[in-house]
Amino acid sequence: MTAAATAPAAAAPTPALPPAAGTAGTAGVPGPGPVPPDAPPGAGVPGTVGSGSYPPADVTFLLKDLSSAALERPAEDREEEMQRGRHYSEDLPVEYQPDERYLALYHQALERSAARVALAVGLVCELVLVARPAPVLVSIARAGTPVGILMRRWYAFRYGLDVPHYAISVIKDRGVDLNAVRFLTARHDPAVLQFVDGWTGKGVMTRVLAEAVAPLGLDATLAVLADPAGCVPLFGTRDDFLIPSACLNSTVSGLVSRTVLNAEHIGPDDFHGAKYYRDLEPHDLSRHFIDTVAARFPEVADEVSARWPALWAADRTPTWAGWAAVERIAKRYDIPDVAMVKPGVGEATRVLLRRVPWRVLIAPGKADELEHVLALADARGVPVEELPGLPFSCVGLVRPVRSDGAAPRFHTPNSRWRPPSLPGPGQAGPAGD
């Protein structure tokens, strides 16, 4: 994909969002977390998790409040049921609570990479602004939500724009929350909606998004900070580097859980659901992460200005290199389903935090950048193996856990979909062979 490198057009500020939820102590407005059904006008969408623990102007979560529902299950039980065909969105993993050593590694990683994250934020923001001078950001909850907030902060910092930002649920094999999409298109020009996520792994989410919203006439192009999978045209980098928010769960994502789509709790007219973990408020680092990265915007601003025109003019056509590498890894390790191969530092971290991991593969020379991964692997007794030619910093492999010894059979057919542009499965490739 090539295009002339022109500067983004100046844009008039968009109208400010009504607050999604208030701050504690404001008369007539609820505090952080769920918005009561009887909340006053302007307090947020009633019956949702509001803005989570974020400042109300930063995000509106279009997620039904399920905070009182008992949805968490132990990792081993949950993994076995998933490998028997139960969909992962039916319930939730138990929230991992890090010890002091792991939290120290998180803070070190944040200090080390904050400027790099800020640079990637600036670059992807500028690419988005070329096509949408006044975007409405729609992040995929929850990993995309800190990125959406950072993008919103960049537009305010660089252009004085007050950009609306919503977070919605997109679930593999079950698609986009269409009630949330209808909510958005009733309030905003569909042409200005920009979908946002944190990073890419195999690239399945790009397909889910395209299949769900393209028939509605919406642009399904996804903007991400890091695209190591090579499956989107809007990115800050294609390097597989640690985005520190991947190190933690809800305590760096507004105290909001993963999204839930369970017929027991979600009716046909409801948004998809999520929980707000009020009991974790003393441990919340969500705002700290955003503020730490945003504080580095001034020092990367000149570099963003110098680099984004060349990035825009470059060939950014998706290559799907990540999917091809996953197939080679699955063949090498005799893994029955590519759904059990989780590529990239963000996905490998998720495996260690909330799945049943089998082993972790790391690229030579990357150990110093993966201290948190190595710490989690050590804590869970997961072997770590160095694999030359790995196109990602690391890859997490899920362990088969069916008690009957049968091969895993995941619910999602997306695990067996493959990009049509790739050569046949099992053909030779440059990495991990």
Protein backbone atom coordinates (compact mmCIF):
# COMPACT_ATOMS: atom_id res chain seq x y z
CA MET A 1 0.00 0.00 0.00
CA THR A 2 1.56 3.28 -1.03
CA ALA A 3 0.35 6.83 -0.74
CA ALA A 4 1.71 10.34 -0.93
CA ALA A 5 3.19 11.54 2.32
CA THR A 6 1.08 14.58 3.00
CA ALA A 7 0.61 16.23 6.35
CA PRO A 8 -2.66 15.55 8.18
CA ALA A 9 -5.27 18.18 7.50
CA ALA A 10 -6.12 20.50 10.36
CA ALA A 11 -9.34 19.46 12.00
CA ALA A 12 -11.85 21.29 14.09
CA PRO A 13 -12.26 19.84 17.56
CA THR A 14 -15.07 17.31 17.83
CA PRO A 15 -17.76 17.80 20.45
CA ALA A 16 -16.74 16.48 23.84
CA LEU A 17 -18.26 13.21 24.99
CA PRO A 18 -20.68 13.31 27.85
CA PRO A 19 -18.91 11.68 30.78
CA ALA A 20 -19.20 7.91 30.95
CA ALA A 21 -18.99 7.93 34.71
CA GLY A 22 -18.09 10.57 37.22
CA THR A 23 -15.38 10.88 39.77
CA ALA A 24 -16.14 10.19 43.37
CA GLY A 25 -17.35 13.21 45.25
CA THR A 26 -19.02 14.96 42.28
CA ALA A 27 -22.59 15.82 43.17
CA GLY A 28 -25.16 13.71 41.35
CA VAL A 29 -22.57 11.67 39.43
CA PRO A 30 -21.45 8.15 40.37
CA GLY A 31 -17.82 7.30 41.05
CA PRO A 32 -15.58 5.03 38.98
CA GLY A 33 -17.04 1.76 37.84
CA PRO A 34 -20.58 0.69 36.91
CA VAL A 35 -23.23 3.29 36.05
CA PRO A 36 -26.47 2.72 37.98
CA PRO A 37 -29.65 2.25 35.96
CA ASP A 38 -31.07 5.42 37.56
CA ALA A 39 -27.96 7.55 36.92
CA PRO A 40 -28.65 11.17 35.93
CA PRO A 41 -28.22 12.30 32.31
CA GLY A 42 -24.57 12.72 31.35
CA ALA A 43 -23.35 10.18 33.90
CA GLY A 44 -22.71 7.50 31.31
CA VAL A 45 -24.63 4.65 29.73
CA PRO A 46 -26.85 3.17 32.47
CA GLY A 47 -26.23 -0.47 33.30
CA THR A 48 -22.69 -0.51 31.90
CA VAL A 49 -19.26 -0.54 33.55
CA GLY A 50 -19.00 3.16 32.72
CA SER A 51 -15.43 4.33 32.22
CA GLY A 52 -14.03 1.65 34.50
CA SER A 53 -11.39 3.28 36.68
CA TYR A 54 -10.29 5.69 33.94
CA PRO A 55 -11.14 9.40 33.88
CA PRO A 56 -14.64 9.69 32.41
CA ALA A 57 -13.56 11.70 29.36
CA ASP A 58 -11.01 9.06 28.30
CA VAL A 59 -13.34 6.18 27.42
CA THR A 60 -16.92 4.94 27.44
CA PHE A 61 -17.12 1.17 27.84
CA LEU A 62 -20.16 -0.16 25.97
CA LEU A 63 -20.24 -3.27 28.16
CA LYS A 64 -23.11 -4.49 30.34
CA ASP A 65 -22.20 -4.56 34.03
CA LEU A 66 -21.87 -8.17 35.22
CA SER A 67 -19.94 -7.34 38.40
CA SER A 68 -22.27 -9.35 40.62
CA ALA A 69 -22.16 -12.51 38.47
CA ALA A 70 -20.00 -15.49 39.48
CA LEU A 71 -18.13 -16.09 36.22
CA GLU A 72 -14.54 -16.94 37.19
CA ARG A 73 -13.31 -20.53 36.91
CA PRO A 74 -9.96 -22.18 37.71
CA ALA A 75 -7.54 -22.24 34.79
CA GLU A 76 -7.30 -26.04 34.53
CA ASP A 77 -11.09 -26.54 34.49
CA ARG A 78 -11.61 -23.71 32.07
CA GLU A 79 -8.88 -24.92 29.71
CA GLU A 80 -10.26 -28.46 29.56
CA GLU A 81 -13.76 -27.21 28.80
CA MET A 82 -12.40 -24.91 26.08
CA GLN A 83 -10.54 -27.84 24.53
CA ARG A 84 -13.82 -29.76 24.55
CA GLY A 85 -15.55 -27.00 22.59
CA ARG A 86 -16.84 -24.54 25.19
CA HIS A 87 -16.35 -20.98 23.99
CA TYR A 88 -13.90 -18.86 25.98
CA SER A 89 -16.37 -15.95 26.20
CA GLU A 90 -18.82 -17.99 28.31
CA ASP A 91 -16.88 -17.35 31.52
CA LEU A 92 -13.77 -15.66 32.90
CA PRO A 93 -10.34 -16.70 34.14
CA VAL A 94 -9.44 -15.94 37.74
CA GLU A 95 -7.62 -12.59 37.79
CA TYR A 96 -3.91 -13.18 38.34
CA GLN A 97 -2.56 -11.16 41.25
CA PRO A 98 1.17 -10.48 40.82
CA ASP A 99 3.67 -10.64 43.65
CA GLU A 100 6.06 -7.81 44.50
CA ARG A 101 8.83 -9.23 42.33
CA TYR A 102 6.62 -9.34 39.26
CA LEU A 103 5.25 -5.85 39.93
CA ALA A 104 8.82 -4.58 40.13
CA LEU A 105 9.50 -6.14 36.71
CA TYR A 106 6.39 -4.42 35.35
CA HIS A 107 7.53 -1.03 36.59
CA GLN A 108 11.01 -1.59 35.18
CA ALA A 109 9.54 -2.57 31.82
CA LEU A 110 7.32 0.49 31.80
CA GLU A 111 10.22 2.81 32.56
CA ARG A 112 12.36 1.14 29.90
CA SER A 113 9.76 1.13 27.13
CA ALA A 114 7.52 4.16 27.82
CA ALA A 115 9.23 6.29 25.17
CA ARG A 116 9.06 3.47 22.62
CA VAL A 117 5.35 3.04 23.28
CA ALA A 118 4.86 6.81 23.01
CA LEU A 119 6.64 6.83 19.64
CA ALA A 120 4.44 4.01 18.33
CA VAL A 121 1.34 5.85 19.57
CA GLY A 122 2.36 9.00 17.73
CA LEU A 123 3.12 7.18 14.49
CA VAL A 124 -0.11 5.20 14.31
CA CYS A 125 -2.09 8.32 15.25
CA GLU A 126 -0.62 10.25 12.35
CA LEU A 127 -1.44 7.46 9.90
CA VAL A 128 -5.04 7.38 11.12
CA LEU A 129 -5.35 11.15 10.87
CA VAL A 130 -4.53 11.17 7.15
CA ALA A 131 -7.79 9.37 6.34
CA ARG A 132 -9.83 10.59 9.32
CA PRO A 133 -9.02 14.17 10.40
CA ALA A 134 -11.60 13.91 13.21
CA PRO A 135 -11.76 10.23 14.16
CA VAL A 136 -13.98 8.52 16.69
CA LEU A 137 -11.86 5.81 18.29
CA VAL A 138 -13.44 2.40 18.93
CA SER A 139 -11.08 0.17 20.89
CA ILE A 140 -11.43 -3.58 21.31
CA ALA A 141 -11.88 -4.21 25.02
CA ARG A 142 -9.78 -4.75 26.86
CA ALA A 143 -6.24 -4.87 25.44
CA GLY A 144 -7.08 -2.18 22.91
CA THR A 145 -8.52 0.22 25.45
CA PRO A 146 -5.28 1.60 26.97
CA VAL A 147 -4.06 2.15 23.39
CA GLY A 148 -7.26 3.98 22.47
CA ILE A 149 -6.82 6.24 25.50
CA LEU A 150 -3.20 6.94 24.58
CA MET A 151 -4.25 7.81 21.03
CA ARG A 152 -6.89 10.14 22.41
CA ARG A 153 -4.26 11.78 24.61
CA TRP A 154 -1.89 12.18 21.61
CA TYR A 155 -4.53 13.99 19.57
CA ALA A 156 -5.15 16.35 22.49
CA PHE A 157 -1.41 16.89 22.99
CA ARG A 158 -0.53 17.42 19.33
CA TYR A 159 -3.62 19.01 17.81
CA GLY A 160 -5.87 20.11 20.65
CA LEU A 161 -8.49 17.61 19.50
CA ASP A 162 -11.09 16.22 21.91
CA VAL A 163 -11.53 12.80 20.30
CA PRO A 164 -14.38 10.53 21.43
CA HIS A 165 -13.32 7.04 22.47
CA TYR A 166 -15.50 4.01 23.10
CA ALA A 167 -14.55 0.44 24.01
CA ILE A 168 -16.61 -2.46 22.65
CA SER A 169 -16.47 -6.24 22.64
CA VAL A 170 -15.16 -8.22 19.66
CA ILE A 171 -15.08 -11.98 20.21
CA LYS A 172 -13.43 -14.58 18.03
CA ASP A 173 -16.00 -16.75 16.26
CA ARG A 174 -18.86 -14.69 17.68
CA GLY A 175 -18.07 -11.40 16.05
CA VAL A 176 -18.55 -7.78 17.02
CA ASP A 177 -21.15 -6.59 19.51
CA LEU A 178 -23.64 -5.29 16.94
CA ASN A 179 -25.73 -3.56 19.61
CA ALA A 180 -22.66 -1.49 20.44
CA VAL A 181 -22.04 -0.79 16.74
CA ARG A 182 -25.64 0.38 16.33
CA PHE A 183 -25.20 2.63 19.38
CA LEU A 184 -22.16 4.22 17.73
CA THR A 185 -23.59 4.67 14.25
CA ALA A 186 -26.70 6.31 15.71
CA ARG A 187 -24.47 8.97 17.29
CA HIS A 188 -21.55 9.38 14.89
CA ASP A 189 -20.87 9.41 11.17
CA PRO A 190 -19.92 5.79 10.40
CA ALA A 191 -17.12 7.02 8.14
CA VAL A 192 -15.15 8.43 11.09
CA LEU A 193 -15.14 5.28 13.24
CA GLN A 194 -11.61 3.90 13.70
CA PHE A 195 -11.17 0.47 15.29
CA VAL A 196 -8.15 0.13 17.60
CA ASP A 197 -6.32 -2.75 19.27
CA GLY A 198 -3.03 -3.19 21.10
CA TRP A 199 -1.10 -5.65 18.94
CA THR A 200 -1.52 -8.51 16.48
CA GLY A 201 -0.69 -12.19 17.00
CA LYS A 202 -1.94 -14.47 14.24
CA GLY A 203 -4.34 -11.86 12.90
CA VAL A 204 -7.63 -13.65 13.61
CA MET A 205 -9.21 -10.52 15.10
CA THR A 206 -8.74 -8.62 11.84
CA ARG A 207 -10.82 -11.24 10.06
CA VAL A 208 -13.52 -11.29 12.75
CA LEU A 209 -13.82 -7.52 12.53
CA ALA A 210 -13.91 -7.47 8.73
CA GLU A 211 -16.58 -10.16 8.51
CA ALA A 212 -18.79 -8.41 11.04
CA VAL A 213 -18.65 -4.73 10.09
CA ALA A 214 -17.76 -4.64 6.39
CA PRO A 215 -21.29 -5.83 5.41
CA LEU A 216 -22.60 -2.83 7.39
CA GLY A 217 -20.62 -0.45 5.18
CA LEU A 218 -18.04 0.29 7.89
CA ASP A 219 -14.29 0.42 7.35
CA ALA A 220 -12.91 -2.57 9.26
CA THR A 221 -9.27 -1.44 9.03
CA LEU A 222 -7.67 -2.00 12.42
CA ALA A 223 -5.08 0.38 13.89
CA VAL A 224 -2.59 -1.13 16.36
CA LEU A 225 0.56 -0.13 18.18
CA ALA A 226 2.51 -3.21 17.12
CA ASP A 227 1.82 -5.48 14.13
CA PRO A 228 4.38 -8.30 14.32
CA ALA A 229 1.89 -10.55 12.51
CA GLY A 230 2.00 -8.30 9.46
CA CYS A 231 -1.77 -8.30 9.03
CA VAL A 232 -2.86 -4.63 9.25
CA PRO A 233 -1.82 -1.48 7.35
CA LEU A 234 -2.11 0.98 10.27
CA PHE A 235 0.56 0.46 12.94
CA GLY A 236 3.23 2.21 14.94
CA THR A 237 5.74 -0.59 14.38
CA ARG A 238 5.96 -4.14 13.14
CA ASP A 239 8.50 -5.04 15.82
CA ASP A 240 7.38 -7.50 18.48
CA PHE A 241 8.18 -5.49 21.59
CA LEU A 242 6.69 -5.41 25.06
CA ILE A 243 3.75 -3.08 25.54
CA PRO A 244 3.82 -3.03 29.35
CA SER A 245 0.04 -3.08 29.69
CA ALA A 246 0.24 -6.70 28.45
CA CYS A 247 2.04 -7.63 31.69
CA LEU A 248 -1.06 -7.26 33.85
CA ASN A 249 -4.78 -7.91 33.60
CA SER A 250 -7.55 -5.62 34.82
CA THR A 251 -5.26 -3.54 37.03
CA VAL A 252 -3.84 -1.87 33.93
CA SER A 253 -7.10 -1.95 31.92
CA GLY A 254 -9.49 0.15 33.96
CA LEU A 255 -10.30 -2.70 36.40
CA VAL A 256 -12.51 -4.20 33.70
CA SER A 257 -12.57 -7.93 32.99
CA ARG A 258 -12.37 -9.66 29.66
CA THR A 259 -15.66 -9.46 27.78
CA VAL A 260 -18.40 -12.04 28.24
CA LEU A 261 -21.08 -13.35 25.89
CA ASN A 262 -23.17 -15.81 27.85
CA ALA A 263 -26.88 -16.27 27.17
CA GLU A 264 -27.55 -16.62 30.91
CA HIS A 265 -26.49 -12.99 31.41
CA ILE A 266 -26.64 -11.29 28.00
CA GLY A 267 -30.00 -10.80 26.29
CA PRO A 268 -30.59 -10.04 22.60
CA ASP A 269 -30.76 -6.28 23.18
CA ASP A 270 -27.83 -6.09 25.62
CA PHE A 271 -24.26 -5.07 25.03
CA HIS A 272 -21.77 -7.85 25.62
CA GLY A 273 -20.78 -7.90 29.29
CA ALA A 274 -17.85 -7.43 31.64
CA LYS A 275 -17.12 -7.14 35.33
CA TYR A 276 -15.69 -4.19 37.23
CA TYR A 277 -13.30 -5.36 39.97
CA ARG A 278 -13.91 -2.79 42.67
CA ASP A 279 -11.99 -4.89 45.20
CA LEU A 280 -8.80 -4.30 43.17
CA GLU A 281 -9.00 -0.50 43.33
CA PRO A 282 -6.12 -0.30 45.86
CA HIS A 283 -3.89 -2.07 43.32
CA ASP A 284 -5.00 -0.22 40.20
CA LEU A 285 -2.25 1.02 37.85
CA SER A 286 -4.47 1.91 34.89
CA ARG A 287 -4.10 5.68 35.10
CA HIS A 288 -0.45 5.42 36.07
CA PHE A 289 0.33 3.52 32.85
CA ILE A 290 -1.45 6.09 30.68
CA ASP A 291 0.13 9.07 32.46
CA THR A 292 3.62 7.54 32.33
CA VAL A 293 3.50 6.98 28.57
CA ALA A 294 1.76 10.28 27.79
CA ALA A 295 4.47 12.14 29.74
CA ARG A 296 6.94 11.00 27.06
CA PHE A 297 5.00 12.53 24.16
CA PRO A 298 7.04 15.77 24.12
CA GLU A 299 10.34 13.93 23.78
CA VAL A 300 9.18 11.81 20.82
CA ALA A 301 7.17 14.49 19.00
CA ASP A 302 9.98 15.56 16.66
CA GLU A 303 10.82 11.95 15.80
CA VAL A 304 7.17 11.24 15.01
CA SER A 305 7.06 14.26 12.69
CA ALA A 306 10.22 13.10 10.93
CA ARG A 307 9.21 9.47 10.54
CA TRP A 308 5.50 9.24 9.86
CA PRO A 309 5.53 10.53 6.23
CA ALA A 310 7.96 7.77 5.18
CA LEU A 311 5.88 5.19 7.04
CA TRP A 312 2.74 6.39 5.27
CA ALA A 313 4.48 6.25 1.88
CA ALA A 314 5.92 2.78 2.49
CA ASP A 315 4.37 -0.47 1.34
CA ARG A 316 2.23 -1.46 4.33
CA THR A 317 0.32 -4.23 2.60
CA PRO A 318 -0.40 -7.09 5.02
CA THR A 319 1.91 -10.07 4.53
CA TRP A 320 0.37 -12.43 7.13
CA ALA A 321 3.91 -13.46 8.07
CA GLY A 322 2.77 -14.19 11.62
CA TRP A 323 0.21 -16.78 10.56
CA ALA A 324 2.74 -18.54 8.36
CA ALA A 325 5.19 -18.75 11.28
CA VAL A 326 2.48 -20.15 13.56
CA GLU A 327 1.78 -22.97 11.10
CA ARG A 328 5.47 -23.86 10.98
CA ILE A 329 5.69 -23.89 14.78
CA ALA A 330 2.58 -26.08 15.06
CA LYS A 331 4.11 -28.57 12.62
CA ARG A 332 7.49 -28.57 14.37
CA TYR A 333 5.97 -29.31 17.80
CA ASP A 334 3.18 -31.61 16.57
CA ILE A 335 0.49 -29.26 17.88
CA PRO A 336 -2.96 -30.36 16.68
CA ASP A 337 -4.54 -26.90 16.36
CA VAL A 338 -2.97 -23.50 15.63
CA ALA A 339 -5.32 -22.07 18.28
CA MET A 340 -2.81 -23.47 20.80
CA VAL A 341 0.07 -21.38 19.38
CA LYS A 342 0.06 -17.83 20.77
CA PRO A 343 2.68 -15.69 19.01
CA GLY A 344 4.21 -12.46 20.23
CA VAL A 345 5.14 -11.13 23.63
CA GLY A 346 1.59 -9.94 24.38
CA GLU A 347 -0.06 -13.25 23.53
CA ALA A 348 2.63 -15.32 25.28
CA THR A 349 2.07 -13.23 28.41
CA ARG A 350 -1.67 -13.95 28.22
CA VAL A 351 -0.98 -17.70 28.00
CA LEU A 352 1.08 -17.53 31.19
CA LEU A 353 -1.43 -15.33 33.01
CA ARG A 354 -4.68 -17.13 32.24
CA ARG A 355 -4.24 -20.34 30.25
CA VAL A 356 -2.49 -23.66 30.94
CA PRO A 357 0.91 -23.16 29.32
CA TRP A 358 3.03 -25.99 27.93
CA ARG A 359 6.20 -24.14 27.02
CA VAL A 360 7.52 -20.76 25.92
CA LEU A 361 9.70 -20.21 22.87
CA ILE A 362 11.99 -17.19 22.76
CA ALA A 363 14.09 -15.72 19.98
CA PRO A 364 17.90 -15.69 20.48
CA GLY A 365 19.11 -12.48 22.08
CA LYS A 366 15.68 -11.45 23.40
CA ALA A 367 15.86 -12.74 26.97
CA ASP A 368 16.81 -9.35 28.41
CA GLU A 369 13.59 -7.86 26.98
CA LEU A 370 11.44 -10.67 28.37
CA GLU A 371 12.14 -10.64 32.10
CA HIS A 372 8.45 -10.65 32.98
CA VAL A 373 7.81 -13.65 30.68
CA LEU A 374 10.71 -15.57 32.20
CA ALA A 375 9.50 -14.72 35.72
CA LEU A 376 5.98 -15.96 34.96
CA ALA A 377 7.32 -19.12 33.31
CA ASP A 378 9.52 -19.82 36.31
CA ALA A 379 6.64 -19.26 38.73
CA ARG A 380 4.44 -21.71 36.83
CA GLY A 381 7.17 -24.28 36.13
CA VAL A 382 6.94 -23.80 32.36
CA PRO A 383 10.03 -24.70 30.30
CA VAL A 384 11.56 -21.99 28.13
CA GLU A 385 13.23 -22.92 24.86
CA GLU A 386 15.31 -20.74 22.54
CA LEU A 387 14.33 -21.16 18.89
CA PRO A 388 16.57 -19.69 16.16
CA GLY A 389 14.76 -17.96 13.31
CA LEU A 390 11.69 -17.13 15.41
CA PRO A 391 10.04 -14.04 13.86
CA PHE A 392 8.54 -13.01 17.21
CA SER A 393 10.25 -12.14 20.47
CA CYS A 394 8.50 -15.10 22.03
CA VAL A 395 5.64 -17.54 21.53
CA GLY A 396 3.47 -19.25 24.12
CA LEU A 397 2.23 -22.80 23.57
CA VAL A 398 -0.94 -24.06 25.29
CA ARG A 399 -0.83 -27.52 26.86
CA PRO A 400 -3.42 -30.15 25.84
CA VAL A 401 -5.37 -30.93 29.02
CA ARG A 402 -8.27 -33.18 28.06
CA SER A 403 -8.53 -35.83 30.75
CA ASP A 404 -9.73 -38.41 28.22
CA GLY A 405 -6.55 -38.00 26.18
CA ALA A 406 -8.44 -36.95 23.06
CA ALA A 407 -7.14 -34.21 20.79
CA PRO A 408 -8.39 -30.71 21.61
CA ARG A 409 -11.44 -29.58 19.65
CA PHE A 410 -11.89 -25.84 20.02
CA HIS A 411 -15.20 -24.14 19.44
CA THR A 412 -13.87 -21.54 17.06
CA PRO A 413 -13.50 -22.41 13.37
CA ASN A 414 -11.31 -19.31 13.02
CA SER A 415 -8.45 -21.40 14.40
CA ARG A 416 -8.58 -23.41 11.17
CA TRP A 417 -9.08 -20.46 8.82
CA ARG A 418 -5.92 -19.33 7.05
CA PRO A 419 -5.18 -16.31 4.85
CA PRO A 420 -5.73 -17.28 1.21
CA SER A 421 -2.55 -15.43 0.15
CA LEU A 422 -0.32 -17.91 2.03
CA PRO A 423 1.23 -20.99 0.41
CA GLY A 424 -0.15 -24.37 1.40
CA PRO A 425 0.26 -25.39 5.08
CA GLY A 426 3.49 -27.13 5.89
CA GLN A 427 5.48 -25.55 3.06
CA ALA A 428 8.95 -24.41 3.94
CA GLY A 429 9.50 -20.93 5.36
CA PRO A 430 12.40 -18.90 6.66
CA ALA A 431 11.69 -18.95 10.37
CA GLY A 432 11.53 -21.71 12.92
CA ASP A 433 12.13 -24.53 10.44
